[in-house]
Amino acid sequence: MEEIQAKTGKFALNHGLMVGVIGIAFGIMLYTMDMHYERGIAVQGTQTLILVAGIVLGIYQFRKANSGFLTISEALKVGAGVALIAAIMGLLYFYVFSNYVEPDFMDHMYEIGKQQALDNNPKLTEEQLNQGIEMQKQFAWMTYPIILIMNIIIGLVVGLVVGLILRKEKPTY
């Protein structure tokens, strides 16, 4: 009698959607609390913790469904898949939010960045600050692929660590 092997894609999709929904709920919570311009360690850490928890849960659930067996390759697939799905959902939310819900969101972010740059380096002139903002605006589109790549890297690293911890190969006999 042959056992049915669990599919990594199913777990990556399910847990990626779960992480994406939780991340969007967190973003909406920040917006309703008027904290959506906060980019401190608490906000970034919470977002990363949500992602890491979803990846660990996905890998653990996969191992459980796979009769307790897990290879590092499977852990990497689930980890990267969860991170990819969650990142795509987060980027779609950000696109809708920054273009339709609060269309001047990026302008406010540039102003916050301008003020922080001025605080960190008071010798900068207004012209230099404006030139820096214009350069940021030209390369703003790059944030999307960078976020996607960073999420996948986090997924791979977490998948590797969890895979090394939970690894259990099927016997060859």
N, C-alpha and C. Protein backbone atom coordinates (compact mmCIF):
# COMPACT_ATOMS: atom_id res chain seq x y z
N MET A 1 0.84 -1.18 0.00
CA MET A 1 0.00 0.00 0.00
C MET A 1 0.89 1.25 0.00
N GLU A 2 0.62 2.15 -0.90
CA GLU A 2 1.45 3.34 -1.06
C GLU A 2 0.82 4.53 -0.33
N GLU A 3 1.66 5.31 0.38
CA GLU A 3 1.17 6.49 1.07
C GLU A 3 1.06 7.68 0.12
N ILE A 4 0.10 8.54 0.38
CA ILE A 4 -0.04 9.76 -0.41
C ILE A 4 0.83 10.83 0.23
N GLN A 5 1.70 11.41 -0.58
CA GLN A 5 2.60 12.42 -0.06
C GLN A 5 1.94 13.80 -0.13
N ALA A 6 2.10 14.59 0.92
CA ALA A 6 1.55 15.94 0.97
C ALA A 6 2.28 16.81 -0.06
N LYS A 7 1.58 17.80 -0.60
CA LYS A 7 2.14 18.71 -1.59
C LYS A 7 2.55 20.02 -0.92
N THR A 8 3.79 20.44 -1.18
CA THR A 8 4.30 21.68 -0.57
C THR A 8 3.51 22.90 -1.04
N GLY A 9 3.08 22.90 -2.30
CA GLY A 9 2.36 24.05 -2.84
C GLY A 9 1.07 24.35 -2.12
N LYS A 10 0.36 23.31 -1.73
CA LYS A 10 -0.91 23.48 -1.01
C LYS A 10 -0.67 24.20 0.32
N PHE A 11 0.36 23.76 1.04
CA PHE A 11 0.64 24.37 2.34
C PHE A 11 1.19 25.78 2.19
N ALA A 12 2.01 25.98 1.16
CA ALA A 12 2.53 27.33 0.91
C ALA A 12 1.39 28.29 0.58
N LEU A 13 0.47 27.85 -0.27
CA LEU A 13 -0.66 28.71 -0.65
C LEU A 13 -1.56 29.01 0.55
N ASN A 14 -1.96 27.98 1.27
CA ASN A 14 -2.86 28.18 2.41
C ASN A 14 -2.26 29.08 3.49
N HIS A 15 -1.04 28.80 3.86
CA HIS A 15 -0.41 29.59 4.92
C HIS A 15 0.03 30.96 4.41
N GLY A 16 0.39 31.05 3.13
CA GLY A 16 0.71 32.35 2.55
C GLY A 16 -0.51 33.26 2.54
N LEU A 17 -1.67 32.70 2.19
CA LEU A 17 -2.91 33.48 2.22
C LEU A 17 -3.24 33.91 3.64
N MET A 18 -3.03 33.00 4.59
CA MET A 18 -3.30 33.32 6.00
C MET A 18 -2.38 34.46 6.47
N VAL A 19 -1.10 34.36 6.16
CA VAL A 19 -0.15 35.41 6.57
C VAL A 19 -0.50 36.73 5.86
N GLY A 20 -0.87 36.65 4.59
CA GLY A 20 -1.26 37.85 3.85
C GLY A 20 -2.47 38.54 4.47
N VAL A 21 -3.47 37.76 4.83
CA VAL A 21 -4.69 38.33 5.43
C VAL A 21 -4.36 38.95 6.79
N ILE A 22 -3.56 38.26 7.59
CA ILE A 22 -3.18 38.80 8.90
C ILE A 22 -2.35 40.08 8.72
N GLY A 23 -1.44 40.07 7.75
CA GLY A 23 -0.63 41.28 7.48
C GLY A 23 -1.48 42.45 7.02
N ILE A 24 -2.47 42.18 6.19
CA ILE A 24 -3.39 43.24 5.74
C ILE A 24 -4.21 43.74 6.92
N ALA A 25 -4.68 42.83 7.76
CA ALA A 25 -5.43 43.24 8.95
C ALA A 25 -4.56 44.13 9.85
N PHE A 26 -3.28 43.77 9.97
CA PHE A 26 -2.35 44.59 10.76
C PHE A 26 -2.21 45.98 10.12
N GLY A 27 -2.09 46.03 8.79
CA GLY A 27 -2.00 47.32 8.10
C GLY A 27 -3.25 48.16 8.29
N ILE A 28 -4.40 47.54 8.23
CA ILE A 28 -5.66 48.26 8.45
C ILE A 28 -5.74 48.76 9.89
N MET A 29 -5.28 47.93 10.83
CA MET A 29 -5.26 48.35 12.23
C MET A 29 -4.36 49.58 12.41
N LEU A 30 -3.19 49.55 11.77
CA LEU A 30 -2.30 50.71 11.86
C LEU A 30 -2.97 51.95 11.28
N TYR A 31 -3.67 51.77 10.17
CA TYR A 31 -4.35 52.91 9.53
C TYR A 31 -5.46 53.47 10.43
N THR A 32 -6.26 52.59 11.03
CA THR A 32 -7.35 53.06 11.88
C THR A 32 -6.83 53.72 13.15
N MET A 33 -5.63 53.34 13.58
CA MET A 33 -5.04 53.95 14.77
C MET A 33 -4.16 55.14 14.40
N ASP A 34 -4.17 55.51 13.12
CA ASP A 34 -3.37 56.62 12.61
C ASP A 34 -1.88 56.41 12.89
N MET A 35 -1.45 55.16 12.74
CA MET A 35 -0.04 54.80 12.94
C MET A 35 0.59 54.28 11.66
N HIS A 36 -0.07 54.49 10.52
CA HIS A 36 0.42 53.92 9.26
C HIS A 36 1.68 54.59 8.73
N TYR A 37 2.09 55.70 9.33
CA TYR A 37 3.35 56.32 8.93
C TYR A 37 4.50 55.86 9.83
N GLU A 38 4.19 55.07 10.86
CA GLU A 38 5.20 54.55 11.76
C GLU A 38 6.01 53.47 11.04
N ARG A 39 7.30 53.57 11.08
CA ARG A 39 8.17 52.54 10.49
C ARG A 39 9.24 52.16 11.48
N GLY A 40 8.89 52.20 12.75
CA GLY A 40 9.85 51.87 13.80
C GLY A 40 10.06 50.38 13.93
N ILE A 41 10.91 50.03 14.87
CA ILE A 41 11.28 48.64 15.08
C ILE A 41 10.09 47.82 15.54
N ALA A 42 9.16 48.40 16.28
CA ALA A 42 8.00 47.65 16.76
C ALA A 42 7.11 47.23 15.60
N VAL A 43 6.85 48.14 14.67
CA VAL A 43 5.99 47.83 13.53
C VAL A 43 6.69 46.84 12.60
N GLN A 44 7.92 47.11 12.25
CA GLN A 44 8.67 46.22 11.36
C GLN A 44 8.85 44.84 12.00
N GLY A 45 9.13 44.82 13.29
CA GLY A 45 9.32 43.56 14.00
C GLY A 45 8.04 42.74 14.04
N THR A 46 6.92 43.41 14.25
CA THR A 46 5.63 42.71 14.27
C THR A 46 5.32 42.12 12.90
N GLN A 47 5.54 42.89 11.84
CA GLN A 47 5.30 42.38 10.50
C GLN A 47 6.18 41.18 10.19
N THR A 48 7.44 41.24 10.58
CA THR A 48 8.36 40.12 10.35
C THR A 48 7.96 38.92 11.20
N LEU A 49 7.54 39.16 12.42
CA LEU A 49 7.12 38.08 13.30
C LEU A 49 5.89 37.37 12.74
N ILE A 50 4.96 38.11 12.17
CA ILE A 50 3.77 37.50 11.54
C ILE A 50 4.22 36.58 10.41
N LEU A 51 5.14 37.05 9.58
CA LEU A 51 5.65 36.24 8.46
C LEU A 51 6.37 34.99 8.97
N VAL A 52 7.26 35.15 9.93
CA VAL A 52 8.03 34.02 10.45
C VAL A 52 7.09 32.99 11.09
N ALA A 53 6.12 33.44 11.87
CA ALA A 53 5.17 32.53 12.51
C ALA A 53 4.38 31.75 11.47
N GLY A 54 3.95 32.42 10.40
CA GLY A 54 3.21 31.73 9.34
C GLY A 54 4.06 30.69 8.62
N ILE A 55 5.32 31.01 8.39
CA ILE A 55 6.23 30.07 7.72
C ILE A 55 6.47 28.84 8.61
N VAL A 56 6.76 29.08 9.89
CA VAL A 56 7.01 27.97 10.82
C VAL A 56 5.76 27.09 10.92
N LEU A 57 4.60 27.70 11.05
CA LEU A 57 3.36 26.94 11.13
C LEU A 57 3.12 26.14 9.86
N GLY A 58 3.37 26.74 8.72
CA GLY A 58 3.19 26.04 7.45
C GLY A 58 4.09 24.83 7.33
N ILE A 59 5.35 24.99 7.70
CA ILE A 59 6.29 23.87 7.63
C ILE A 59 5.90 22.78 8.62
N TYR A 60 5.52 23.18 9.82
CA TYR A 60 5.12 22.21 10.83
C TYR A 60 3.88 21.44 10.38
N GLN A 61 2.90 22.14 9.83
CA GLN A 61 1.68 21.48 9.35
C GLN A 61 1.99 20.54 8.19
N PHE A 62 2.91 20.95 7.31
CA PHE A 62 3.31 20.09 6.20
C PHE A 62 3.92 18.81 6.73
N ARG A 63 4.82 18.94 7.69
CA ARG A 63 5.48 17.76 8.26
C ARG A 63 4.45 16.83 8.88
N LYS A 64 3.49 17.39 9.59
CA LYS A 64 2.45 16.60 10.23
C LYS A 64 1.63 15.84 9.18
N ALA A 65 1.28 16.51 8.09
CA ALA A 65 0.48 15.89 7.03
C ALA A 65 1.30 14.88 6.21
N ASN A 66 2.60 14.98 6.28
CA ASN A 66 3.50 14.11 5.52
C ASN A 66 4.01 12.96 6.39
N SER A 67 3.17 12.48 7.28
CA SER A 67 3.50 11.35 8.17
C SER A 67 4.71 11.62 9.06
N GLY A 68 4.96 12.87 9.39
CA GLY A 68 6.07 13.22 10.28
C GLY A 68 7.41 13.35 9.59
N PHE A 69 7.42 13.26 8.25
CA PHE A 69 8.67 13.36 7.51
C PHE A 69 8.81 14.73 6.86
N LEU A 70 10.04 15.22 6.81
CA LEU A 70 10.32 16.53 6.21
C LEU A 70 11.76 16.56 5.74
N THR A 71 11.95 17.00 4.51
CA THR A 71 13.31 17.22 4.02
C THR A 71 13.58 18.72 4.03
N ILE A 72 14.83 19.07 3.96
CA ILE A 72 15.18 20.49 3.93
C ILE A 72 14.62 21.13 2.67
N SER A 73 14.64 20.42 1.57
CA SER A 73 14.10 20.92 0.31
C SER A 73 12.61 21.27 0.44
N GLU A 74 11.87 20.40 1.10
CA GLU A 74 10.43 20.66 1.29
C GLU A 74 10.22 21.86 2.20
N ALA A 75 11.02 21.99 3.24
CA ALA A 75 10.92 23.13 4.15
C ALA A 75 11.23 24.43 3.41
N LEU A 76 12.24 24.40 2.55
CA LEU A 76 12.59 25.59 1.77
C LEU A 76 11.45 25.97 0.82
N LYS A 77 10.84 24.98 0.19
CA LYS A 77 9.73 25.25 -0.73
C LYS A 77 8.55 25.87 -0.01
N VAL A 78 8.18 25.29 1.13
CA VAL A 78 7.05 25.84 1.89
C VAL A 78 7.39 27.24 2.39
N GLY A 79 8.59 27.42 2.94
CA GLY A 79 8.98 28.74 3.46
C GLY A 79 8.98 29.81 2.40
N ALA A 80 9.60 29.53 1.25
CA ALA A 80 9.64 30.52 0.17
C ALA A 80 8.26 30.75 -0.40
N GLY A 81 7.46 29.70 -0.50
CA GLY A 81 6.11 29.83 -1.04
C GLY A 81 5.21 30.68 -0.15
N VAL A 82 5.25 30.43 1.15
CA VAL A 82 4.46 31.24 2.09
C VAL A 82 4.88 32.70 1.98
N ALA A 83 6.18 32.95 1.97
CA ALA A 83 6.69 34.32 1.90
C ALA A 83 6.29 35.00 0.59
N LEU A 84 6.34 34.27 -0.52
CA LEU A 84 5.97 34.83 -1.82
C LEU A 84 4.50 35.21 -1.86
N ILE A 85 3.63 34.31 -1.45
CA ILE A 85 2.18 34.58 -1.47
C ILE A 85 1.86 35.76 -0.54
N ALA A 86 2.44 35.75 0.65
CA ALA A 86 2.20 36.84 1.61
C ALA A 86 2.70 38.17 1.05
N ALA A 87 3.85 38.16 0.39
CA ALA A 87 4.41 39.39 -0.18
C ALA A 87 3.53 39.92 -1.30
N ILE A 88 3.04 39.04 -2.15
CA ILE A 88 2.16 39.47 -3.25
C ILE A 88 0.89 40.10 -2.68
N MET A 89 0.31 39.46 -1.68
CA MET A 89 -0.90 40.03 -1.07
C MET A 89 -0.60 41.38 -0.41
N GLY A 90 0.51 41.47 0.30
CA GLY A 90 0.89 42.72 0.95
C GLY A 90 1.14 43.83 -0.06
N LEU A 91 1.78 43.51 -1.17
CA LEU A 91 2.04 44.51 -2.20
C LEU A 91 0.75 44.97 -2.88
N LEU A 92 -0.17 44.04 -3.10
CA LEU A 92 -1.47 44.43 -3.67
C LEU A 92 -2.22 45.36 -2.71
N TYR A 93 -2.19 45.02 -1.42
CA TYR A 93 -2.81 45.89 -0.43
C TYR A 93 -2.16 47.27 -0.43
N PHE A 94 -0.83 47.30 -0.44
CA PHE A 94 -0.12 48.58 -0.43
C PHE A 94 -0.44 49.40 -1.67
N TYR A 95 -0.53 48.74 -2.82
CA TYR A 95 -0.86 49.44 -4.07
C TYR A 95 -2.24 50.08 -3.98
N VAL A 96 -3.21 49.31 -3.52
CA VAL A 96 -4.58 49.83 -3.39
C VAL A 96 -4.61 50.95 -2.35
N PHE A 97 -3.95 50.71 -1.22
CA PHE A 97 -3.94 51.71 -0.15
C PHE A 97 -3.32 53.02 -0.60
N SER A 98 -2.13 52.93 -1.21
CA SER A 98 -1.39 54.15 -1.55
C SER A 98 -1.91 54.85 -2.80
N ASN A 99 -2.74 54.18 -3.59
CA ASN A 99 -3.28 54.81 -4.79
C ASN A 99 -4.75 55.19 -4.67
N TYR A 100 -5.50 54.52 -3.81
CA TYR A 100 -6.94 54.78 -3.75
C TYR A 100 -7.42 55.20 -2.37
N VAL A 101 -6.97 54.53 -1.31
CA VAL A 101 -7.43 54.86 0.03
C VAL A 101 -6.81 56.17 0.49
N GLU A 102 -5.51 56.28 0.35
CA GLU A 102 -4.80 57.51 0.74
C GLU A 102 -3.80 57.86 -0.36
N PRO A 103 -4.29 58.53 -1.41
CA PRO A 103 -3.43 58.80 -2.58
C PRO A 103 -2.19 59.64 -2.28
N ASP A 104 -2.21 60.43 -1.23
CA ASP A 104 -1.04 61.26 -0.92
C ASP A 104 -0.13 60.61 0.13
N PHE A 105 -0.28 59.31 0.32
CA PHE A 105 0.52 58.57 1.30
C PHE A 105 2.01 58.73 1.01
N MET A 106 2.41 58.51 -0.23
CA MET A 106 3.84 58.57 -0.57
C MET A 106 4.39 59.99 -0.40
N ASP A 107 3.59 61.01 -0.72
CA ASP A 107 4.05 62.39 -0.51
C ASP A 107 4.32 62.65 0.97
N HIS A 108 3.43 62.12 1.83
CA HIS A 108 3.65 62.27 3.27
C HIS A 108 4.90 61.52 3.72
N MET A 109 5.12 60.35 3.14
CA MET A 109 6.32 59.58 3.49
C MET A 109 7.58 60.32 3.06
N TYR A 110 7.53 60.96 1.89
CA TYR A 110 8.69 61.73 1.43
C TYR A 110 8.95 62.91 2.38
N GLU A 111 7.90 63.55 2.84
CA GLU A 111 8.05 64.67 3.77
C GLU A 111 8.63 64.21 5.11
N ILE A 112 8.18 63.06 5.58
CA ILE A 112 8.73 62.51 6.82
C ILE A 112 10.21 62.20 6.63
N GLY A 113 10.54 61.59 5.50
CA GLY A 113 11.95 61.30 5.19
C GLY A 113 12.78 62.56 5.08
N LYS A 114 12.19 63.59 4.50
CA LYS A 114 12.89 64.88 4.35
C LYS A 114 13.19 65.47 5.73
N GLN A 115 12.22 65.40 6.62
CA GLN A 115 12.41 65.94 7.97
C GLN A 115 13.45 65.14 8.73
N GLN A 116 13.43 63.82 8.57
CA GLN A 116 14.43 62.97 9.24
C GLN A 116 15.83 63.26 8.70
N ALA A 117 15.95 63.45 7.40
CA ALA A 117 17.25 63.76 6.79
C ALA A 117 17.76 65.10 7.32
N LEU A 118 16.86 66.06 7.45
CA LEU A 118 17.24 67.38 7.97
C LEU A 118 17.67 67.28 9.43
N ASP A 119 16.96 66.46 10.21
CA ASP A 119 17.33 66.27 11.61
C ASP A 119 18.69 65.59 11.75
N ASN A 120 18.95 64.60 10.88
CA ASN A 120 20.21 63.86 10.95
C ASN A 120 21.39 64.64 10.38
N ASN A 121 21.12 65.54 9.43
CA ASN A 121 22.18 66.31 8.81
C ASN A 121 21.69 67.74 8.56
N PRO A 122 21.77 68.60 9.57
CA PRO A 122 21.24 69.96 9.45
C PRO A 122 21.95 70.84 8.42
N LYS A 123 23.09 70.40 7.89
CA LYS A 123 23.83 71.21 6.91
C LYS A 123 23.25 71.08 5.51
N LEU A 124 22.33 70.15 5.31
CA LEU A 124 21.72 70.00 3.98
C LEU A 124 20.88 71.21 3.64
N THR A 125 20.96 71.62 2.39
CA THR A 125 20.15 72.74 1.94
C THR A 125 18.79 72.23 1.46
N GLU A 126 17.85 73.15 1.34
CA GLU A 126 16.51 72.80 0.84
C GLU A 126 16.60 72.20 -0.56
N GLU A 127 17.50 72.74 -1.36
CA GLU A 127 17.68 72.24 -2.72
C GLU A 127 18.19 70.80 -2.72
N GLN A 128 19.14 70.50 -1.85
CA GLN A 128 19.68 69.15 -1.75
C GLN A 128 18.60 68.16 -1.29
N LEU A 129 17.79 68.60 -0.32
CA LEU A 129 16.71 67.74 0.17
C LEU A 129 15.69 67.46 -0.93
N ASN A 130 15.31 68.50 -1.65
CA ASN A 130 14.34 68.32 -2.74
C ASN A 130 14.91 67.45 -3.85
N GLN A 131 16.18 67.61 -4.13
CA GLN A 131 16.83 66.78 -5.15
C GLN A 131 16.82 65.31 -4.72
N GLY A 132 17.06 65.06 -3.44
CA GLY A 132 17.02 63.70 -2.91
C GLY A 132 15.64 63.09 -3.01
N ILE A 133 14.61 63.88 -2.73
CA ILE A 133 13.23 63.40 -2.82
C ILE A 133 12.87 63.08 -4.26
N GLU A 134 13.29 63.93 -5.18
CA GLU A 134 13.00 63.66 -6.60
C GLU A 134 13.67 62.37 -7.06
N MET A 135 14.87 62.12 -6.56
CA MET A 135 15.55 60.88 -6.92
C MET A 135 14.80 59.68 -6.33
N GLN A 136 14.31 59.82 -5.09
CA GLN A 136 13.52 58.75 -4.47
C GLN A 136 12.26 58.48 -5.28
N LYS A 137 11.62 59.52 -5.76
CA LYS A 137 10.38 59.35 -6.54
C LYS A 137 10.66 58.59 -7.83
N GLN A 138 11.81 58.84 -8.44
CA GLN A 138 12.15 58.15 -9.69
C GLN A 138 12.34 56.66 -9.48
N PHE A 139 12.84 56.29 -8.31
CA PHE A 139 13.12 54.89 -8.04
C PHE A 139 12.10 54.24 -7.11
N ALA A 140 10.96 54.87 -6.90
CA ALA A 140 9.93 54.34 -6.01
C ALA A 140 9.40 52.99 -6.47
N TRP A 141 9.35 52.77 -7.77
CA TRP A 141 8.85 51.51 -8.31
C TRP A 141 9.70 50.32 -7.87
N MET A 142 10.96 50.60 -7.52
CA MET A 142 11.86 49.52 -7.13
C MET A 142 11.51 48.92 -5.77
N THR A 143 10.70 49.61 -4.98
CA THR A 143 10.33 49.07 -3.68
C THR A 143 9.55 47.77 -3.82
N TYR A 144 8.76 47.64 -4.88
CA TYR A 144 7.95 46.44 -5.06
C TYR A 144 8.82 45.19 -5.24
N PRO A 145 9.73 45.16 -6.20
CA PRO A 145 10.56 43.95 -6.32
C PRO A 145 11.50 43.75 -5.13
N ILE A 146 11.95 44.82 -4.51
CA ILE A 146 12.83 44.67 -3.35
C ILE A 146 12.08 44.01 -2.20
N ILE A 147 10.84 44.43 -1.96
CA ILE A 147 10.04 43.82 -0.90
C ILE A 147 9.79 42.35 -1.21
N LEU A 148 9.50 42.06 -2.45
CA LEU A 148 9.26 40.68 -2.88
C LEU A 148 10.51 39.82 -2.64
N ILE A 149 11.65 40.31 -3.05
CA ILE A 149 12.91 39.57 -2.88
C ILE A 149 13.26 39.40 -1.40
N MET A 150 13.09 40.45 -0.62
CA MET A 150 13.40 40.37 0.81
C MET A 150 12.51 39.35 1.50
N ASN A 151 11.22 39.33 1.16
CA ASN A 151 10.31 38.35 1.75
C ASN A 151 10.75 36.93 1.41
N ILE A 152 11.10 36.70 0.15
CA ILE A 152 11.52 35.37 -0.26
C ILE A 152 12.81 34.96 0.46
N ILE A 153 13.73 35.89 0.63
CA ILE A 153 14.97 35.59 1.37
C ILE A 153 14.64 35.21 2.81
N ILE A 154 13.74 35.97 3.44
CA ILE A 154 13.32 35.63 4.80
C ILE A 154 12.69 34.24 4.82
N GLY A 155 11.85 33.96 3.83
CA GLY A 155 11.21 32.64 3.74
C GLY A 155 12.22 31.52 3.60
N LEU A 156 13.24 31.74 2.78
CA LEU A 156 14.28 30.73 2.59
C LEU A 156 15.10 30.51 3.86
N VAL A 157 15.46 31.59 4.53
CA VAL A 157 16.26 31.48 5.75
C VAL A 157 15.47 30.78 6.85
N VAL A 158 14.23 31.21 7.04
CA VAL A 158 13.39 30.58 8.07
C VAL A 158 13.13 29.13 7.69
N GLY A 159 12.86 28.87 6.41
CA GLY A 159 12.64 27.50 5.95
C GLY A 159 13.85 26.61 6.19
N LEU A 160 15.04 27.15 5.96
CA LEU A 160 16.26 26.39 6.20
C LEU A 160 16.43 26.06 7.68
N VAL A 161 16.26 27.06 8.52
CA VAL A 161 16.44 26.85 9.96
C VAL A 161 15.40 25.85 10.49
N VAL A 162 14.14 26.07 10.14
CA VAL A 162 13.08 25.17 10.61
C VAL A 162 13.27 23.78 10.00
N GLY A 163 13.69 23.72 8.74
CA GLY A 163 13.95 22.44 8.10
C GLY A 163 15.06 21.68 8.79
N LEU A 164 16.11 22.37 9.19
CA LEU A 164 17.21 21.72 9.91
C LEU A 164 16.75 21.20 11.27
N ILE A 165 15.86 21.94 11.90
CA ILE A 165 15.38 21.54 13.22
C ILE A 165 14.38 20.38 13.13
N LEU A 166 13.45 20.46 12.18
CA LEU A 166 12.37 19.47 12.08
C LEU A 166 12.65 18.34 11.09
N ARG A 167 13.80 18.35 10.47
CA ARG A 167 14.12 17.37 9.42
C ARG A 167 13.98 15.94 9.94
N LYS A 168 13.31 15.14 9.11
CA LYS A 168 13.22 13.71 9.39
C LYS A 168 13.01 13.02 8.05
N GLU A 169 14.04 12.32 7.61
CA GLU A 169 14.01 11.64 6.31
C GLU A 169 13.21 10.35 6.39
N LYS A 170 12.57 9.99 5.28
CA LYS A 170 11.86 8.71 5.21
C LYS A 170 12.90 7.60 5.13
N PRO A 171 12.64 6.49 5.80
CA PRO A 171 13.58 5.37 5.70
C PRO A 171 13.59 4.81 4.27
N THR A 172 14.71 4.32 3.85
CA THR A 172 14.86 3.84 2.47
C THR A 172 14.30 2.44 2.26
N TYR A 173 14.05 1.71 3.29
CA TYR A 173 13.53 0.33 3.14
C TYR A 173 12.04 0.28 3.03
